């Protein structure tokens, strides 16, 4: 069985994605489903920094939680 060569297409496509990826991609919305406890407390600082930089943060948390508060 012969294997057909794809030439330089995959290489060119990969380079194009590496060059244009940061220009055309936007990551502004973040969905969080946290675990209550120390994981949430250690993640809270990073979440606040992302929010200050303009990201939209949505936290999906249970009603009864020790550490996760509204706002």
Protein backbone atom coordinates (compact mmCIF):
# COMPACT_ATOMS: atom_id res chain seq x y z
CA UNK A 1 0.00 0.00 0.00
CA UNK A 2 1.49 3.32 -1.03
CA UNK A 3 1.44 6.33 1.27
CA UNK A 4 0.64 9.58 -0.49
CA UNK A 5 2.70 12.62 0.41
CA UNK A 6 0.80 15.69 1.53
CA UNK A 7 3.65 17.97 0.58
CA UNK A 8 4.06 21.07 2.72
CA UNK A 9 0.36 21.70 3.34
CA UNK A 10 0.25 20.59 7.00
CA UNK A 11 3.41 22.55 7.76
CA UNK A 12 2.10 25.71 6.10
CA UNK A 13 -1.28 25.37 7.82
CA UNK A 14 0.40 24.84 11.20
CA UNK A 15 2.61 27.90 10.76
CA UNK A 16 -0.36 29.98 9.65
CA UNK A 17 -2.33 28.99 12.76
CA UNK A 18 0.63 29.83 15.01
CA UNK A 19 1.02 33.27 13.44
CA UNK A 20 -2.65 34.24 13.15
CA UNK A 21 -4.01 32.39 16.21
CA UNK A 22 -3.32 35.12 18.78
CA UNK A 23 -4.61 37.82 16.43
CA UNK A 24 -7.99 36.26 15.63
CA UNK A 25 -8.77 34.52 18.93
CA UNK A 26 -10.42 36.12 21.95
CA UNK A 27 -10.87 34.53 25.36
CA UNK A 28 -13.19 36.82 27.24
CA UNK A 29 -15.75 34.52 28.85
CA UNK A 30 -14.89 32.00 31.55
CA UNK A 31 -17.22 29.47 33.20
CA UNK A 32 -16.13 28.17 36.61
CA UNK A 33 -17.55 25.16 38.41
CA UNK A 34 -15.53 25.28 41.65
CA UNK A 35 -15.07 22.82 44.48
CA UNK A 36 -15.73 24.32 47.91
CA UNK A 37 -12.81 24.59 50.30
CA UNK A 38 -9.13 25.35 49.84
CA UNK A 39 -9.34 24.92 46.05
CA UNK A 40 -11.75 27.85 45.84
CA UNK A 41 -9.71 30.01 48.20
CA UNK A 42 -6.51 29.50 46.19
CA UNK A 43 -8.33 30.15 42.90
CA UNK A 44 -10.08 33.32 44.07
CA UNK A 45 -7.07 35.63 43.54
CA UNK A 46 -6.61 34.46 39.95
CA UNK A 47 -10.31 34.92 39.25
CA UNK A 48 -10.25 38.48 40.56
CA UNK A 49 -7.23 39.31 38.37
CA UNK A 50 -8.97 37.92 35.29
CA UNK A 51 -12.08 39.96 36.09
CA UNK A 52 -10.01 43.15 36.47
CA UNK A 53 -8.53 42.50 33.02
CA UNK A 54 -11.99 42.53 31.46
CA UNK A 55 -12.93 38.85 31.33
CA UNK A 56 -16.55 37.88 31.95
CA UNK A 57 -16.58 35.33 34.79
CA UNK A 58 -19.58 33.09 35.51
CA UNK A 59 -19.41 30.89 38.62
CA UNK A 60 -21.76 27.91 38.82
CA UNK A 61 -21.87 27.05 42.54
CA UNK A 62 -24.30 25.29 44.90
CA UNK A 63 -26.61 27.30 47.16
CA UNK A 64 -25.11 25.79 50.31
CA UNK A 65 -21.40 26.56 50.39
CA UNK A 66 -18.93 27.44 53.14
CA UNK A 67 -16.56 29.65 51.14
CA UNK A 68 -18.22 30.53 47.83
CA UNK A 69 -20.21 33.76 48.19
CA UNK A 70 -22.25 35.89 45.77
CA UNK A 71 -20.49 38.81 44.18
